[in-house]
Amino acid sequence: MSSGQTKPAKAVNPVETVAGLRALPDVRDAVVTERVGPAGGVQVLGYVAGPDPVAGTAELHRRLMGRLPQHLIPDYLFILEEIPLTPAGDYDLKVLPEPDAASGPTEDYVEPRTKLERQIADLMVEVLRVPRVGAHDVFFALGGSSAQMFRLTLRIREIFNVQLELQEVFGAPTVEGVAALLLQSLGEKVSERVLERQEKHRRVAATWLWIRKRVPPGLPCGAQPDDLAAVEVIKAQQAAGA
């Protein structure tokens, strides 16, 4: 077996994970397997039958986040029409799909359009280790796992100084979607900063007017609010010499 190949999957029985998958809307059946990935780490794969494959797995990931702790969520999820069985009635693990190690951009590549989208795309490229990520490329369709989504969320928090929740990013797993989340979050922060600045300026202006009314004749009238401390010193000196 070459270093680029993976070992065959084997069925695992994390009861809580399987129960969580089977409790999701429209899921008729679920099975969980694990394999050793190309980098040597263990990857947990979840397979469900029932949901609409066209809808993708992002919503399944998001719903699982509300049911299970992070360590019980499969790294990859697959939606199948039916989970294949052997003639003996067991799950046929050999024919289950696996993550594509060569996952890359879709043919319908859309260039990220704004500086913010380009920054997010660069972060996804860094986390996924793919050549490029388009504005509409779905994170999980590019081979992204739950653990990689977690790392992406941490990087976004670090770079943009925002407190996005992991569930929010799961629910918007494209460059365009994450950019919209960030704009909303950053917009709220900017609004708060504007209000804080306005309140600060109002207090400074009120203090300045109060001082101007009380500054003795002869003191520099062109003093700025930043000079308030100096004005107070001059007043104290004059009072001491009176």
Protein backbone atom coordinates (compact mmCIF):
# COMPACT_ATOMS: atom_id res chain seq x y z
CA MET A 1 0.00 0.00 0.00
CA SER A 2 1.46 3.36 -1.02
CA SER A 3 1.75 6.25 1.40
CA GLY A 4 -1.01 8.10 -0.45
CA GLN A 5 -3.56 5.33 0.08
CA THR A 6 -5.83 4.90 3.05
CA LYS A 7 -6.51 1.77 5.03
CA PRO A 8 -9.94 0.15 4.56
CA ALA A 9 -12.76 1.59 6.63
CA LYS A 10 -14.11 -0.38 9.54
CA ALA A 11 -17.44 -0.01 11.28
CA VAL A 12 -17.35 1.68 14.65
CA ASN A 13 -20.13 1.97 17.16
CA PRO A 14 -20.11 5.36 18.85
CA VAL A 15 -23.67 4.94 20.08
CA GLU A 16 -24.23 8.66 20.67
CA THR A 17 -23.02 9.60 17.18
CA VAL A 18 -25.22 7.05 15.43
CA ALA A 19 -28.18 7.99 17.63
CA GLY A 20 -27.59 11.67 16.88
CA LEU A 21 -27.52 11.02 13.14
CA ARG A 22 -30.65 8.87 13.21
CA ALA A 23 -32.50 11.54 15.20
CA LEU A 24 -31.99 14.14 12.45
CA PRO A 25 -35.04 15.04 10.32
CA ASP A 26 -35.63 12.77 7.30
CA VAL A 27 -32.83 10.36 8.27
CA ARG A 28 -33.99 6.75 7.89
CA ASP A 29 -30.72 5.03 8.72
CA ALA A 30 -27.15 5.87 9.62
CA VAL A 31 -23.82 4.14 10.02
CA VAL A 32 -20.45 5.42 11.19
CA THR A 33 -17.06 4.10 10.12
CA GLU A 34 -13.48 5.11 10.70
CA ARG A 35 -10.36 4.90 8.60
CA VAL A 36 -6.74 5.97 8.77
CA GLY A 37 -6.30 8.93 6.46
CA PRO A 38 -3.35 9.84 4.23
CA ALA A 39 -1.67 11.80 7.03
CA GLY A 40 -1.96 8.88 9.44
CA GLY A 41 -4.74 10.29 11.60
CA VAL A 42 -8.04 8.54 12.26
CA GLN A 43 -10.98 9.94 10.30
CA VAL A 44 -14.58 9.27 11.32
CA LEU A 45 -17.07 9.05 8.45
CA GLY A 46 -20.83 9.29 8.85
CA TYR A 47 -23.35 7.99 6.30
CA VAL A 48 -27.07 8.73 6.33
CA ALA A 49 -29.95 7.66 4.12
CA GLY A 50 -33.03 9.78 3.63
CA PRO A 51 -32.22 13.51 3.33
CA ASP A 52 -32.14 15.21 -0.05
CA PRO A 53 -28.56 14.90 -1.40
CA VAL A 54 -28.98 18.14 -3.35
CA ALA A 55 -29.33 20.05 -0.06
CA GLY A 56 -25.80 19.05 0.92
CA THR A 57 -24.40 18.17 4.32
CA ALA A 58 -23.93 21.65 5.82
CA GLU A 59 -27.36 21.63 7.47
CA LEU A 60 -26.72 18.13 8.85
CA HIS A 61 -23.47 19.36 10.38
CA ARG A 62 -25.22 22.37 11.86
CA ARG A 63 -27.98 20.26 13.41
CA LEU A 64 -25.47 17.80 14.83
CA MET A 65 -23.68 20.71 16.51
CA GLY A 66 -26.85 21.27 18.51
CA ARG A 67 -27.03 17.63 19.59
CA LEU A 68 -23.50 16.34 20.05
CA PRO A 69 -20.19 17.58 21.47
CA GLN A 70 -17.48 18.35 18.93
CA HIS A 71 -15.52 15.12 19.47
CA LEU A 72 -18.56 12.98 18.55
CA ILE A 73 -19.29 14.70 15.24
CA PRO A 74 -18.01 12.78 12.17
CA ASP A 75 -15.20 14.41 10.23
CA TYR A 76 -17.11 13.77 7.00
CA LEU A 77 -20.79 13.22 6.25
CA PHE A 78 -22.30 11.54 3.19
CA ILE A 79 -25.94 11.46 2.09
CA LEU A 80 -26.95 8.26 0.30
CA GLU A 81 -30.23 7.08 -1.18
CA GLU A 82 -29.78 3.85 0.75
CA ILE A 83 -26.96 2.47 2.85
CA PRO A 84 -25.75 -0.59 0.92
CA LEU A 85 -26.08 -4.04 2.46
CA THR A 86 -24.35 -7.34 1.80
CA PRO A 87 -26.40 -10.45 0.90
CA ALA A 88 -26.13 -11.38 4.58
CA GLY A 89 -27.81 -8.11 5.58
CA ASP A 90 -24.74 -6.37 7.01
CA TYR A 91 -23.60 -2.92 5.98
CA ASP A 92 -21.40 -3.22 2.88
CA LEU A 93 -18.52 -1.01 3.95
CA LYS A 94 -16.44 -1.73 0.85
CA VAL A 95 -18.75 0.21 -1.44
CA LEU A 96 -19.26 3.25 0.79
CA PRO A 97 -17.82 6.47 -0.68
CA GLU A 98 -14.77 8.07 0.86
CA PRO A 99 -13.53 11.67 1.01
CA ASP A 100 -11.71 12.69 -2.12
CA ALA A 101 -8.16 13.59 -1.15
CA ALA A 102 -7.83 15.45 -4.44
CA SER A 103 -10.92 17.58 -3.88
CA GLY A 104 -10.57 20.97 -5.46
CA PRO A 105 -12.56 23.86 -6.87
CA THR A 106 -15.70 23.11 -8.82
CA GLU A 107 -15.92 23.73 -12.55
CA ASP A 108 -18.27 26.65 -11.85
CA TYR A 109 -15.52 28.61 -10.16
CA VAL A 110 -16.48 32.16 -9.16
CA GLU A 111 -13.65 34.50 -8.24
CA PRO A 112 -14.02 36.08 -4.77
CA ARG A 113 -15.18 39.62 -5.49
CA THR A 114 -14.25 41.74 -2.48
CA LYS A 115 -11.21 42.11 -0.27
CA LEU A 116 -13.11 40.40 2.56
CA GLU A 117 -14.07 37.44 0.36
CA ARG A 118 -10.47 37.11 -0.82
CA GLN A 119 -9.26 37.04 2.79
CA ILE A 120 -11.77 34.32 3.67
CA ALA A 121 -10.87 32.34 0.55
CA ASP A 122 -7.19 32.51 1.54
CA LEU A 123 -8.07 31.14 5.00
CA MET A 124 -10.03 28.27 3.44
CA VAL A 125 -7.12 27.50 1.10
CA GLU A 126 -4.83 27.44 4.14
CA VAL A 127 -7.10 25.09 6.11
CA LEU A 128 -8.14 22.81 3.24
CA ARG A 129 -4.77 22.81 1.46
CA VAL A 130 -6.35 23.19 -1.96
CA PRO A 131 -5.12 25.44 -4.81
CA ARG A 132 -8.00 27.89 -4.65
CA VAL A 133 -11.52 28.37 -3.29
CA GLY A 134 -14.25 30.20 -5.16
CA ALA A 135 -16.92 32.46 -3.73
CA HIS A 136 -19.61 29.77 -4.09
CA ASP A 137 -17.55 26.63 -3.38
CA VAL A 138 -19.00 24.67 -0.47
CA PHE A 139 -16.43 23.93 2.23
CA PHE A 140 -17.48 20.30 2.66
CA ALA A 141 -17.66 19.67 -1.09
CA LEU A 142 -13.96 20.59 -1.22
CA GLY A 143 -13.16 17.79 1.22
CA GLY A 144 -13.48 19.86 4.38
CA SER A 145 -14.09 18.00 7.64
CA SER A 146 -15.73 19.06 10.89
CA ALA A 147 -12.30 19.43 12.49
CA GLN A 148 -11.13 21.65 9.63
CA MET A 149 -14.26 23.78 9.94
CA PHE A 150 -13.44 24.20 13.63
CA ARG A 151 -9.90 25.35 12.72
CA LEU A 152 -11.31 27.74 10.11
CA THR A 153 -13.62 29.27 12.71
CA LEU A 154 -10.71 29.77 15.11
CA ARG A 155 -8.66 31.46 12.37
CA ILE A 156 -11.57 33.76 11.50
CA ARG A 157 -11.94 34.75 15.16
CA GLU A 158 -8.20 35.40 15.38
CA ILE A 159 -7.87 37.41 12.16
CA PHE A 160 -11.06 39.48 12.37
CA ASN A 161 -11.41 39.71 16.16
CA VAL A 162 -15.04 38.57 16.11
CA GLN A 163 -16.86 35.92 18.11
CA LEU A 164 -18.54 33.90 15.36
CA GLU A 165 -20.06 30.67 16.62
CA LEU A 166 -19.05 27.39 15.00
CA GLN A 167 -22.70 26.64 14.24
CA GLU A 168 -23.00 29.90 12.32
CA VAL A 169 -20.06 29.01 10.08
CA PHE A 170 -21.42 25.48 9.59
CA GLY A 171 -24.66 27.05 8.37
CA ALA A 172 -22.90 29.26 5.79
CA PRO A 173 -20.05 27.08 4.47
CA THR A 174 -19.01 29.19 1.48
CA VAL A 175 -16.74 32.21 1.10
CA GLU A 176 -19.77 34.32 0.26
CA GLY A 177 -21.72 32.99 3.24
CA VAL A 178 -18.94 33.55 5.76
CA ALA A 179 -18.36 37.05 4.36
CA ALA A 180 -22.03 37.88 4.96
CA LEU A 181 -21.74 36.64 8.56
CA LEU A 182 -18.63 38.73 9.11
CA LEU A 183 -20.19 41.84 7.59
CA GLN A 184 -23.14 41.47 9.93
CA SER A 185 -20.91 40.93 12.95
CA LEU A 186 -18.41 43.63 12.01
CA GLY A 187 -21.26 46.00 11.15
CA GLU A 188 -22.68 45.59 14.64
CA LYS A 189 -19.23 46.20 16.13
CA VAL A 190 -18.71 49.28 13.95
CA SER A 191 -22.11 50.64 15.03
CA GLU A 192 -21.15 50.14 18.67
CA ARG A 193 -17.84 51.92 18.10
CA VAL A 194 -19.57 54.85 16.38
CA LEU A 195 -21.98 55.21 19.30
CA GLU A 196 -19.09 55.01 21.76
CA ARG A 197 -17.15 57.69 19.85
CA GLN A 198 -20.21 59.92 19.65
CA GLU A 199 -20.77 59.59 23.39
CA LYS A 200 -17.09 60.28 24.09
CA HIS A 201 -17.15 63.37 21.88
CA ARG A 202 -20.33 64.58 23.57
CA ARG A 203 -18.73 64.23 27.02
CA VAL A 204 -15.53 65.97 25.87
CA ALA A 205 -17.49 68.82 24.29
CA ALA A 206 -19.60 69.26 27.43
CA THR A 207 -16.49 69.29 29.62
CA TRP A 208 -14.77 71.77 27.29
CA LEU A 209 -17.74 74.14 27.42
CA TRP A 210 -17.79 73.87 31.21
CA ILE A 211 -14.09 74.79 31.38
CA ARG A 212 -14.39 77.62 28.84
CA LYS A 213 -17.00 79.26 31.04
CA ARG A 214 -14.65 79.10 34.02
CA VAL A 215 -11.24 79.83 32.46
CA PRO A 216 -9.90 83.14 33.84
CA PRO A 217 -9.22 85.94 31.34
CA GLY A 218 -5.80 85.71 29.73
CA LEU A 219 -5.69 81.92 29.40
CA PRO A 220 -5.31 80.62 25.85
CA CYS A 221 -8.78 80.28 24.35
CA GLY A 222 -7.49 78.10 21.55
CA ALA A 223 -6.73 75.19 23.86
CA GLN A 224 -8.07 71.89 22.61
CA PRO A 225 -9.89 69.20 24.60
CA ASP A 226 -6.62 67.25 24.79
CA ASP A 227 -5.20 70.25 26.70
CA LEU A 228 -7.77 70.02 29.49
CA ALA A 229 -5.25 68.68 31.98
CA ALA A 230 -2.87 71.58 31.25
CA VAL A 231 -5.68 74.09 31.72
CA GLU A 232 -6.49 72.58 35.10
CA VAL A 233 -2.81 72.88 36.11
CA ILE A 234 -2.75 76.57 35.13
CA LYS A 235 -5.92 77.20 37.11
CA ALA A 236 -4.42 75.50 40.15
CA GLN A 237 -1.24 77.57 39.84
CA GLN A 238 -3.20 80.81 39.59
CA ALA A 239 -5.32 79.88 42.58
CA ALA A 240 -2.19 79.14 44.60
CA GLY A 241 -0.64 82.52 43.71
CA ALA A 242 -3.78 84.50 44.49
